[in-house]
Every structure is written in structure tokens, then in C-alpha cells.
PDB file of N, CA and C in Angstrom:
ATOM      1  N   UNK A   1      13.604  -7.901  10.718  1.00  0.00           N
ATOM      2  CA  UNK A   1      14.994  -8.247  10.927  1.00  0.00           C
ATOM      3  C   UNK A   1      15.535  -8.889   9.648  1.00  0.00           C
ATOM      4  N   UNK A   2      16.752  -8.541   9.286  1.00  0.00           N
ATOM      5  CA  UNK A   2      17.361  -9.065   8.067  1.00  0.00           C
ATOM      6  C   UNK A   2      17.786 -10.515   8.274  1.00  0.00           C
ATOM      7  N   UNK A   3      17.630 -11.301   7.231  1.00  0.00           N
ATOM      8  CA  UNK A   3      18.030 -12.710   7.286  1.00  0.00           C
ATOM      9  C   UNK A   3      19.516 -12.819   6.936  1.00  0.00           C
ATOM     10  N   UNK A   4      20.225 -13.593   7.719  1.00  0.00           N
ATOM     11  CA  UNK A   4      21.652 -13.801   7.475  1.00  0.00           C
ATOM     12  C   UNK A   4      21.820 -15.110   6.727  1.00  0.00           C
ATOM     13  N   UNK A   5      22.511 -15.042   5.607  1.00  0.00           N
ATOM     14  CA  UNK A   5      22.771 -16.245   4.834  1.00  0.00           C
ATOM     15  C   UNK A   5      24.268 -16.466   4.756  1.00  0.00           C
ATOM     16  N   UNK A   6      24.649 -17.703   4.782  1.00  0.00           N
ATOM     17  CA  UNK A   6      26.060 -18.051   4.698  1.00  0.00           C
ATOM     18  C   UNK A   6      26.399 -18.345   3.242  1.00  0.00           C
ATOM     19  N   UNK A   7      27.449 -17.722   2.752  1.00  0.00           N
ATOM     20  CA  UNK A   7      27.876 -17.981   1.386  1.00  0.00           C
ATOM     21  C   UNK A   7      28.950 -19.055   1.408  1.00  0.00           C
ATOM     22  N   UNK A   8      28.994 -19.829   0.366  1.00  0.00           N
ATOM     23  CA  UNK A   8      30.016 -20.863   0.256  1.00  0.00           C
ATOM     24  C   UNK A   8      30.996 -20.468  -0.835  1.00  0.00           C
ATOM     25  N   UNK A   9      32.222 -20.936  -0.680  1.00  0.00           N
ATOM     26  CA  UNK A   9      33.235 -20.653  -1.680  1.00  0.00           C
ATOM     27  C   UNK A   9      32.970 -21.512  -2.908  1.00  0.00           C
ATOM     28  N   UNK A  10      33.169 -20.964  -4.104  1.00  0.00           N
ATOM     29  CA  UNK A  10      32.947 -21.760  -5.305  1.00  0.00           C
ATOM     30  C   UNK A  10      33.946 -22.911  -5.393  1.00  0.00           C
ATOM     31  N   UNK A  11      33.528 -23.994  -5.981  1.00  0.00           N
ATOM     32  CA  UNK A  11      34.400 -25.139  -6.171  1.00  0.00           C
ATOM     33  C   UNK A  11      35.335 -24.859  -7.342  1.00  0.00           C
ATOM     34  N   UNK A  12      36.612 -25.098  -7.137  1.00  0.00           N
ATOM     35  CA  UNK A  12      37.592 -24.872  -8.192  1.00  0.00           C
ATOM     36  C   UNK A  12      37.718 -26.107  -9.069  1.00  0.00           C
ATOM     37  N   UNK A  13      37.824 -25.884 -10.374  1.00  0.00           N
ATOM     38  CA  UNK A  13      38.053 -27.006 -11.283  1.00  0.00           C
ATOM     39  C   UNK A  13      39.540 -27.188 -11.554  1.00  0.00           C
ATOM     40  N   UNK A  14      40.331 -26.148 -11.282  1.00  0.00           N
ATOM     41  CA  UNK A  14      41.785 -26.255 -11.348  1.00  0.00           C
ATOM     42  C   UNK A  14      42.391 -25.282 -10.349  1.00  0.00           C
ATOM     43  N   UNK A  15      43.587 -25.603  -9.906  1.00  0.00           N
ATOM     44  CA  UNK A  15      44.256 -24.742  -8.942  1.00  0.00           C
ATOM     45  C   UNK A  15      44.768 -23.483  -9.621  1.00  0.00           C
ATOM     46  N   UNK A  16      44.519 -22.320  -9.049  1.00  0.00           N
ATOM     47  CA  UNK A  16      45.096 -21.104  -9.608  1.00  0.00           C
ATOM     48  C   UNK A  16      46.622 -21.167  -9.525  1.00  0.00           C
ATOM     49  N   UNK A  17      47.333 -20.585 -10.474  1.00  0.00           N
ATOM     50  CA  UNK A  17      48.802 -20.658 -10.447  1.00  0.00           C
ATOM     51  C   UNK A  17      49.427 -19.835  -9.342  1.00  0.00           C
ATOM     52  N   UNK A  18      48.738 -18.797  -8.886  1.00  0.00           N
ATOM     53  CA  UNK A  18      49.284 -17.992  -7.786  1.00  0.00           C
ATOM     54  C   UNK A  18      48.145 -17.482  -6.927  1.00  0.00           C
ATOM     55  N   UNK A  19      48.523 -16.935  -5.793  1.00  0.00           N
ATOM     56  CA  UNK A  19      47.523 -16.466  -4.844  1.00  0.00           C
ATOM     57  C   UNK A  19      47.520 -17.361  -3.618  1.00  0.00           C
ATOM     58  N   UNK A  20      46.449 -17.253  -2.853  1.00  0.00           N
ATOM     59  CA  UNK A  20      46.329 -18.020  -1.615  1.00  0.00           C
ATOM     60  C   UNK A  20      45.074 -18.874  -1.649  1.00  0.00           C
ATOM     61  N   UNK A  21      45.158 -20.048  -1.031  1.00  0.00           N
ATOM     62  CA  UNK A  21      44.054 -21.009  -1.037  1.00  0.00           C
ATOM     63  C   UNK A  21      43.744 -21.460   0.380  1.00  0.00           C
ATOM     64  N   UNK A  22      42.470 -21.641   0.651  1.00  0.00           N
ATOM     65  CA  UNK A  22      42.052 -22.244   1.916  1.00  0.00           C
ATOM     66  C   UNK A  22      42.157 -23.758   1.769  1.00  0.00           C
ATOM     67  N   UNK A  23      42.201 -24.447   2.878  1.00  0.00           N
ATOM     68  CA  UNK A  23      42.395 -25.900   2.839  1.00  0.00           C
ATOM     69  C   UNK A  23      41.278 -26.605   2.075  1.00  0.00           C
ATOM     70  N   UNK A  24      40.041 -26.134   2.210  1.00  0.00           N
ATOM     71  CA  UNK A  24      38.925 -26.768   1.500  1.00  0.00           C
ATOM     72  C   UNK A  24      39.105 -26.697  -0.011  1.00  0.00           C
ATOM     73  N   UNK A  25      39.810 -25.665  -0.486  1.00  0.00           N
ATOM     74  CA  UNK A  25      40.024 -25.516  -1.922  1.00  0.00           C
ATOM     75  C   UNK A  25      41.089 -26.473  -2.455  1.00  0.00           C
ATOM     76  N   UNK A  26      42.023 -26.887  -1.619  1.00  0.00           N
ATOM     77  CA  UNK A  26      43.090 -27.767  -2.106  1.00  0.00           C
ATOM     78  C   UNK A  26      42.787 -29.249  -1.907  1.00  0.00           C
ATOM     79  N   UNK A  27      41.854 -29.573  -1.020  1.00  0.00           N
ATOM     80  CA  UNK A  27      41.558 -30.985  -0.732  1.00  0.00           C
ATOM     81  C   UNK A  27      41.275 -31.822  -1.980  1.00  0.00           C
ATOM     82  N   UNK A  28      40.446 -31.358  -2.925  1.00  0.00           N
ATOM     83  CA  UNK A  28      40.161 -32.206  -4.088  1.00  0.00           C
ATOM     84  C   UNK A  28      41.381 -32.490  -4.962  1.00  0.00           C
ATOM     85  N   UNK A  29      42.412 -31.662  -4.869  1.00  0.00           N
ATOM     86  CA  UNK A  29      43.570 -31.803  -5.742  1.00  0.00           C
ATOM     87  C   UNK A  29      44.692 -32.633  -5.143  1.00  0.00           C
ATOM     88  N   UNK A  30      44.743 -32.727  -3.816  1.00  0.00           N
ATOM     89  CA  UNK A  30      45.852 -33.445  -3.187  1.00  0.00           C
ATOM     90  C   UNK A  30      45.486 -34.853  -2.739  1.00  0.00           C
ATOM     91  N   UNK A  31      44.206 -35.143  -2.619  1.00  0.00           N
ATOM     92  CA  UNK A  31      43.801 -36.501  -2.244  1.00  0.00           C
ATOM     93  C   UNK A  31      44.126 -36.863  -0.805  1.00  0.00           C
ATOM     94  N   UNK A  32      44.216 -35.869   0.068  1.00  0.00           N
ATOM     95  CA  UNK A  32      44.510 -36.099   1.480  1.00  0.00           C
ATOM     96  C   UNK A  32      43.385 -35.515   2.325  1.00  0.00           C
ATOM     97  N   UNK A  33      43.273 -35.992   3.557  1.00  0.00           N
ATOM     98  CA  UNK A  33      42.284 -35.429   4.475  1.00  0.00           C
ATOM     99  C   UNK A  33      42.852 -34.168   5.124  1.00  0.00           C
ATOM    100  N   UNK A  34      41.980 -33.365   5.718  1.00  0.00           N
ATOM    101  CA  UNK A  34      42.438 -32.167   6.432  1.00  0.00           C
ATOM    102  C   UNK A  34      43.405 -32.544   7.546  1.00  0.00           C
ATOM    103  N   UNK A  35      43.085 -33.593   8.279  1.00  0.00           N
ATOM    104  CA  UNK A  35      43.940 -34.020   9.387  1.00  0.00           C
ATOM    105  C   UNK A  35      45.331 -34.399   8.886  1.00  0.00           C
ATOM    106  N   UNK A  36      45.395 -35.134   7.782  1.00  0.00           N
ATOM    107  CA  UNK A  36      46.689 -35.534   7.222  1.00  0.00           C
ATOM    108  C   UNK A  36      47.482 -34.310   6.775  1.00  0.00           C
ATOM    109  N   UNK A  37      46.815 -33.359   6.140  1.00  0.00           N
ATOM    110  CA  UNK A  37      47.505 -32.140   5.709  1.00  0.00           C
ATOM    111  C   UNK A  37      48.060 -31.400   6.915  1.00  0.00           C
ATOM    112  N   UNK A  38      47.278 -31.256   7.969  1.00  0.00           N
ATOM    113  CA  UNK A  38      47.756 -30.583   9.179  1.00  0.00           C
ATOM    114  C   UNK A  38      48.949 -31.337   9.776  1.00  0.00           C
ATOM    115  N   UNK A  39      48.831 -32.652   9.880  1.00  0.00           N
ATOM    116  CA  UNK A  39      49.918 -33.457  10.449  1.00  0.00           C
ATOM    117  C   UNK A  39      51.179 -33.378   9.590  1.00  0.00           C
ATOM    118  N   UNK A  40      51.018 -33.504   8.269  1.00  0.00           N
ATOM    119  CA  UNK A  40      52.160 -33.460   7.366  1.00  0.00           C
ATOM    120  C   UNK A  40      52.797 -32.077   7.347  1.00  0.00           C
ATOM    121  N   UNK A  41      51.991 -31.012   7.480  1.00  0.00           N
ATOM    122  CA  UNK A  41      52.544 -29.656   7.543  1.00  0.00           C
ATOM    123  C   UNK A  41      53.437 -29.513   8.767  1.00  0.00           C
ATOM    124  N   UNK A  42      52.978 -30.025   9.896  1.00  0.00           N
ATOM    125  CA  UNK A  42      53.773 -29.962  11.131  1.00  0.00           C
ATOM    126  C   UNK A  42      55.058 -30.774  10.997  1.00  0.00           C
ATOM    127  N   UNK A  43      54.996 -31.893  10.263  1.00  0.00           N
ATOM    128  CA  UNK A  43      56.151 -32.772  10.105  1.00  0.00           C
ATOM    129  C   UNK A  43      57.074 -32.342   8.959  1.00  0.00           C
ATOM    130  N   UNK A  44      56.700 -31.305   8.210  1.00  0.00           N
ATOM    131  CA  UNK A  44      57.529 -30.841   7.101  1.00  0.00           C
ATOM    132  C   UNK A  44      57.341 -31.614   5.812  1.00  0.00           C
ATOM    133  N   UNK A  45      56.293 -32.438   5.725  1.00  0.00           N
ATOM    134  CA  UNK A  45      56.036 -33.240   4.527  1.00  0.00           C
ATOM    135  C   UNK A  45      55.046 -32.576   3.572  1.00  0.00           C
ATOM    136  N   UNK A  46      54.494 -31.415   3.975  1.00  0.00           N
ATOM    137  CA  UNK A  46      53.525 -30.671   3.169  1.00  0.00           C
ATOM    138  C   UNK A  46      53.789 -29.191   3.438  1.00  0.00           C
ATOM    139  N   UNK A  47      53.491 -28.315   2.474  1.00  0.00           N
ATOM    140  CA  UNK A  47      53.749 -26.885   2.690  1.00  0.00           C
ATOM    141  C   UNK A  47      53.104 -26.338   3.966  1.00  0.00           C
ATOM    142  N   UNK A  48      53.786 -25.392   4.569  1.00  0.00           N
ATOM    143  CA  UNK A  48      53.295 -24.756   5.783  1.00  0.00           C
ATOM    144  C   UNK A  48      52.199 -23.749   5.452  1.00  0.00           C
ATOM    145  N   UNK A  49      51.137 -23.714   6.245  1.00  0.00           N
ATOM    146  CA  UNK A  49      50.118 -22.688   6.037  1.00  0.00           C
ATOM    147  C   UNK A  49      50.592 -21.339   6.568  1.00  0.00           C
ATOM    148  N   UNK A  50      49.949 -20.291   6.102  1.00  0.00           N
ATOM    149  CA  UNK A  50      50.195 -18.943   6.590  1.00  0.00           C
ATOM    150  C   UNK A  50      48.990 -18.563   7.433  1.00  0.00           C
ATOM    151  N   UNK A  51      49.211 -18.260   8.695  1.00  0.00           N
ATOM    152  CA  UNK A  51      48.112 -17.890   9.592  1.00  0.00           C
ATOM    153  C   UNK A  51      47.744 -16.429   9.377  1.00  0.00           C
ATOM    154  N   UNK A  52      46.496 -16.185   8.972  1.00  0.00           N
ATOM    155  CA  UNK A  52      46.003 -14.823   8.813  1.00  0.00           C
ATOM    156  C   UNK A  52      45.360 -14.317  10.096  1.00  0.00           C
ATOM    157  N   UNK A  53      44.844 -15.252  10.869  1.00  0.00           N
ATOM    158  CA  UNK A  53      44.233 -14.945  12.159  1.00  0.00           C
ATOM    159  C   UNK A  53      44.265 -16.239  12.967  1.00  0.00           C
ATOM    160  N   UNK A  54      43.825 -16.222  14.207  1.00  0.00           N
ATOM    161  CA  UNK A  54      43.833 -17.467  14.990  1.00  0.00           C
ATOM    162  C   UNK A  54      42.990 -18.588  14.364  1.00  0.00           C
ATOM    163  N   UNK A  55      42.021 -18.236  13.540  1.00  0.00           N
ATOM    164  CA  UNK A  55      41.139 -19.265  12.975  1.00  0.00           C
ATOM    165  C   UNK A  55      41.228 -19.395  11.459  1.00  0.00           C
ATOM    166  N   UNK A  56      42.053 -18.587  10.802  1.00  0.00           N
ATOM    167  CA  UNK A  56      42.143 -18.634   9.339  1.00  0.00           C
ATOM    168  C   UNK A  56      43.579 -18.854   8.906  1.00  0.00           C
ATOM    169  N   UNK A  57      43.767 -19.894   8.102  1.00  0.00           N
ATOM    170  CA  UNK A  57      45.078 -20.191   7.531  1.00  0.00           C
ATOM    171  C   UNK A  57      44.912 -20.372   6.023  1.00  0.00           C
ATOM    172  N   UNK A  58      45.932 -19.965   5.282  1.00  0.00           N
ATOM    173  CA  UNK A  58      45.916 -20.130   3.828  1.00  0.00           C
ATOM    174  C   UNK A  58      47.227 -20.777   3.402  1.00  0.00           C
ATOM    175  N   UNK A  59      47.221 -21.311   2.209  1.00  0.00           N
ATOM    176  CA  UNK A  59      48.409 -21.913   1.618  1.00  0.00           C
ATOM    177  C   UNK A  59      48.726 -21.163   0.338  1.00  0.00           C
ATOM    178  N   UNK A  60      50.017 -20.972   0.048  1.00  0.00           N
ATOM    179  CA  UNK A  60      50.412 -20.350  -1.213  1.00  0.00           C
ATOM    180  C   UNK A  60      50.116 -21.336  -2.332  1.00  0.00           C
ATOM    181  N   UNK A  61      49.426 -20.865  -3.361  1.00  0.00           N
ATOM    182  CA  UNK A  61      49.114 -21.734  -4.494  1.00  0.00           C
ATOM    183  C   UNK A  61      50.393 -22.270  -5.131  1.00  0.00           C
ATOM    184  N   UNK A  62      51.425 -21.443  -5.207  1.00  0.00           N
ATOM    185  CA  UNK A  62      52.685 -21.884  -5.812  1.00  0.00           C
ATOM    186  C   UNK A  62      53.314 -23.025  -5.009  1.00  0.00           C
ATOM    187  N   UNK A  63      53.192 -22.988  -3.677  1.00  0.00           N
ATOM    188  CA  UNK A  63      53.716 -24.077  -2.845  1.00  0.00           C
ATOM    189  C   UNK A  63      52.966 -25.377  -3.107  1.00  0.00           C
ATOM    190  N   UNK A  64      51.654 -25.280  -3.280  1.00  0.00           N
ATOM    191  CA  UNK A  64      50.844 -26.480  -3.542  1.00  0.00           C
ATOM    192  C   UNK A  64      51.188 -27.046  -4.911  1.00  0.00           C
ATOM    193  N   UNK A  65      51.348 -26.180  -5.914  1.00  0.00           N
ATOM    194  CA  UNK A  65      51.741 -26.651  -7.250  1.00  0.00           C
ATOM    195  C   UNK A  65      53.097 -27.351  -7.204  1.00  0.00           C
ATOM    196  N   UNK A  66      54.029 -26.772  -6.474  1.00  0.00           N
ATOM    197  CA  UNK A  66      55.367 -27.377  -6.365  1.00  0.00           C
ATOM    198  C   UNK A  66      55.264 -28.740  -5.676  1.00  0.00           C
ATOM    199  N   UNK A  67      54.482 -28.824  -4.598  1.00  0.00           N
ATOM    200  CA  UNK A  67      54.341 -30.086  -3.888  1.00  0.00           C
ATOM    201  C   UNK A  67      53.712 -31.142  -4.810  1.00  0.00           C
ATOM    202  N   UNK A  68      52.690 -30.747  -5.556  1.00  0.00           N
ATOM    203  CA  UNK A  68      52.048 -31.693  -6.477  1.00  0.00           C
ATOM    204  C   UNK A  68      53.024 -32.152  -7.570  1.00  0.00           C
ATOM    205  N   UNK A  69      53.850 -31.249  -8.065  1.00  0.00           N
ATOM    206  CA  UNK A  69      54.833 -31.610  -9.099  1.00  0.00           C
ATOM    207  C   UNK A  69      55.842 -32.618  -8.552  1.00  0.00           C
ATOM    208  N   UNK A  70      56.209 -32.456  -7.283  1.00  0.00           N
ATOM    209  CA  UNK A  70      57.188 -33.361  -6.668  1.00  0.00           C
ATOM    210  C   UNK A  70      56.587 -34.686  -6.235  1.00  0.00           C
ATOM    211  N   UNK A  71      55.339 -34.661  -5.768  1.00  0.00           N
ATOM    212  CA  UNK A  71      54.740 -35.860  -5.184  1.00  0.00           C
ATOM    213  C   UNK A  71      53.577 -36.438  -5.994  1.00  0.00           C
ATOM    214  N   UNK A  72      53.027 -35.662  -6.890  1.00  0.00           N
ATOM    215  CA  UNK A  72      51.853 -36.122  -7.624  1.00  0.00           C
ATOM    216  C   UNK A  72      50.666 -36.201  -6.704  1.00  0.00           C
ATOM    217  N   UNK A  73      49.512 -36.506  -7.248  1.00  0.00           N
ATOM    218  CA  UNK A  73      48.326 -36.664  -6.408  1.00  0.00           C
ATOM    219  C   UNK A  73      48.451 -37.956  -5.636  1.00  0.00           C
ATOM    220  N   UNK A  74      48.222 -37.899  -4.354  1.00  0.00           N
ATOM    221  CA  UNK A  74      48.379 -39.074  -3.476  1.00  0.00           C
ATOM    222  C   UNK A  74      47.225 -40.025  -3.674  1.00  0.00           C
TER     223      UNK A  74
END
């Protein structure tokens, strides 16, 4: 039987200027917890995620860059 291994996403040293990012990729750059990002997204204080499926959401890299430019790292 073949062994199943889980791959991990590489750690980013800088945010890409465009494309889509998972929440784990943006956490080191925004200085917020996942819960805070979810709460702030619902309240309109952080960019809205794009739902790709019921369990996968991504954020536009350009939206995150804009938010960081306006608010800086928290």
C-alpha cells in the first residue's frame, strides 16, 4: 500500500504582489490571529476572503498589500 504524506506550503519571506493567498500565508505579515482576521473580515475592518469551496478561502494579495499600506503591521 502506498504511503500518504501531507505536504506543507512553503513559508513566504515576502508577500507576492498579486495572486491569491491562504490565511496561513498572510499571518506572519499582518500580526493578527486567525480569529481576529475572521472577525475583522466580517466587521469590514479587514479584506473579505474569497470562498473557493466550503472549506477553502483565499485573500487577494493586492487587498492585503493595500490593507497593510493603510494600517501598517499591527
